[in-house]
């Protein structure tokens, strides 16, 4: 279970880091970059959601995933300033 939590944490961190990059690219009107980042983001998002749904103990995974998404967003936005 611990290995699943660690994997989900880092995937959520990377996924939200990419999503924040997508939002930044949109505001800068970078069409190619924003499209590529959205594609990668959606692939990761759908894979992780299907992974969590298949797991019986989803509550801890969802909490870790949400936490890592918040951290990924914080890191990306903080680095953009």
Protein backbone atom coordinates (compact mmCIF):
# COMPACT_ATOMS: atom_id res chain seq x y z
CA UNK A 1 0.00 0.00 0.00
CA UNK A 2 2.85 2.41 0.79
CA UNK A 3 4.33 2.00 -2.69
CA UNK A 4 0.93 2.85 -4.24
CA UNK A 5 0.69 5.96 -2.09
CA UNK A 6 4.16 7.09 -3.13
CA UNK A 7 3.45 6.46 -6.82
CA UNK A 8 0.11 8.28 -6.70
CA UNK A 9 1.72 11.19 -4.84
CA UNK A 10 4.43 11.74 -7.44
CA UNK A 11 2.08 11.23 -10.38
CA UNK A 12 -0.32 13.81 -8.92
CA UNK A 13 2.55 16.21 -8.33
CA UNK A 14 3.77 15.91 -11.93
CA UNK A 15 0.27 16.04 -13.36
CA UNK A 16 -0.68 19.26 -11.58
CA UNK A 17 2.71 20.79 -12.36
CA UNK A 18 1.88 20.18 -16.04
CA UNK A 19 -1.63 21.56 -15.64
CA UNK A 20 -0.34 24.76 -14.08
CA UNK A 21 2.08 25.01 -17.02
CA UNK A 22 -0.88 24.60 -19.34
CA UNK A 23 -2.71 27.50 -17.67
CA UNK A 24 0.42 29.66 -17.89
CA UNK A 25 0.83 28.78 -21.58
CA UNK A 26 -2.83 29.71 -22.20
CA UNK A 27 -2.35 33.13 -20.60
CA UNK A 28 0.72 33.69 -22.78
CA UNK A 29 -1.23 32.50 -25.87
CA UNK A 30 1.23 29.69 -26.61
CA UNK A 31 -1.08 27.45 -28.61
CA UNK A 32 1.25 24.54 -29.35
CA UNK A 33 2.66 24.38 -25.82
CA UNK A 34 -0.77 24.60 -24.20
CA UNK A 35 -2.19 21.91 -26.50
CA UNK A 36 0.70 19.55 -25.80
CA UNK A 37 0.51 20.13 -22.06
CA UNK A 38 -3.26 19.54 -22.05
CA UNK A 39 -2.80 16.26 -23.94
CA UNK A 40 -0.18 15.00 -21.47
CA UNK A 41 -2.23 16.24 -18.50
CA UNK A 42 -5.39 14.47 -19.64
CA UNK A 43 -3.55 11.21 -20.30
CA UNK A 44 -2.05 11.20 -16.82
CA UNK A 45 -5.33 12.29 -15.23
CA UNK A 46 -7.37 9.53 -16.85
CA UNK A 47 -4.78 6.86 -16.12
CA UNK A 48 -4.54 7.81 -12.44
CA UNK A 49 -8.31 8.01 -12.03
CA UNK A 50 -8.78 4.58 -13.59
CA UNK A 51 -5.98 3.24 -11.36
CA UNK A 52 -7.61 4.64 -8.22
CA UNK A 53 -11.06 3.38 -9.16
CA UNK A 54 -9.70 -0.17 -9.53
CA UNK A 55 -8.19 -0.08 -6.03
CA UNK A 56 -10.32 -1.15 -3.09
CA UNK A 57 -8.74 1.32 -0.64
CA UNK A 58 -9.41 4.47 -2.63
CA UNK A 59 -9.84 7.04 0.17
CA UNK A 60 -6.14 7.21 1.19
CA UNK A 61 -5.10 7.29 -2.48
CA UNK A 62 -7.54 10.09 -3.27
CA UNK A 63 -6.32 12.14 -0.31
CA UNK A 64 -2.67 11.68 -1.31
CA UNK A 65 -3.52 12.46 -4.94
CA UNK A 66 -5.34 15.66 -3.96
CA UNK A 67 -2.48 16.71 -1.68
CA UNK A 68 0.11 16.14 -4.38
CA UNK A 69 -1.98 18.08 -6.91
CA UNK A 70 -2.04 21.05 -4.55
CA UNK A 71 1.72 20.85 -4.02
CA UNK A 72 2.36 20.57 -7.77
CA UNK A 73 0.26 23.65 -8.42
CA UNK A 74 2.04 25.58 -5.65
CA UNK A 75 5.48 24.69 -7.01
CA UNK A 76 4.64 25.58 -10.60
CA UNK A 77 3.00 28.91 -9.83
CA UNK A 78 5.69 29.89 -7.33
CA UNK A 79 8.42 29.19 -9.91
CA UNK A 80 6.62 31.26 -12.55
CA UNK A 81 6.88 34.57 -10.65
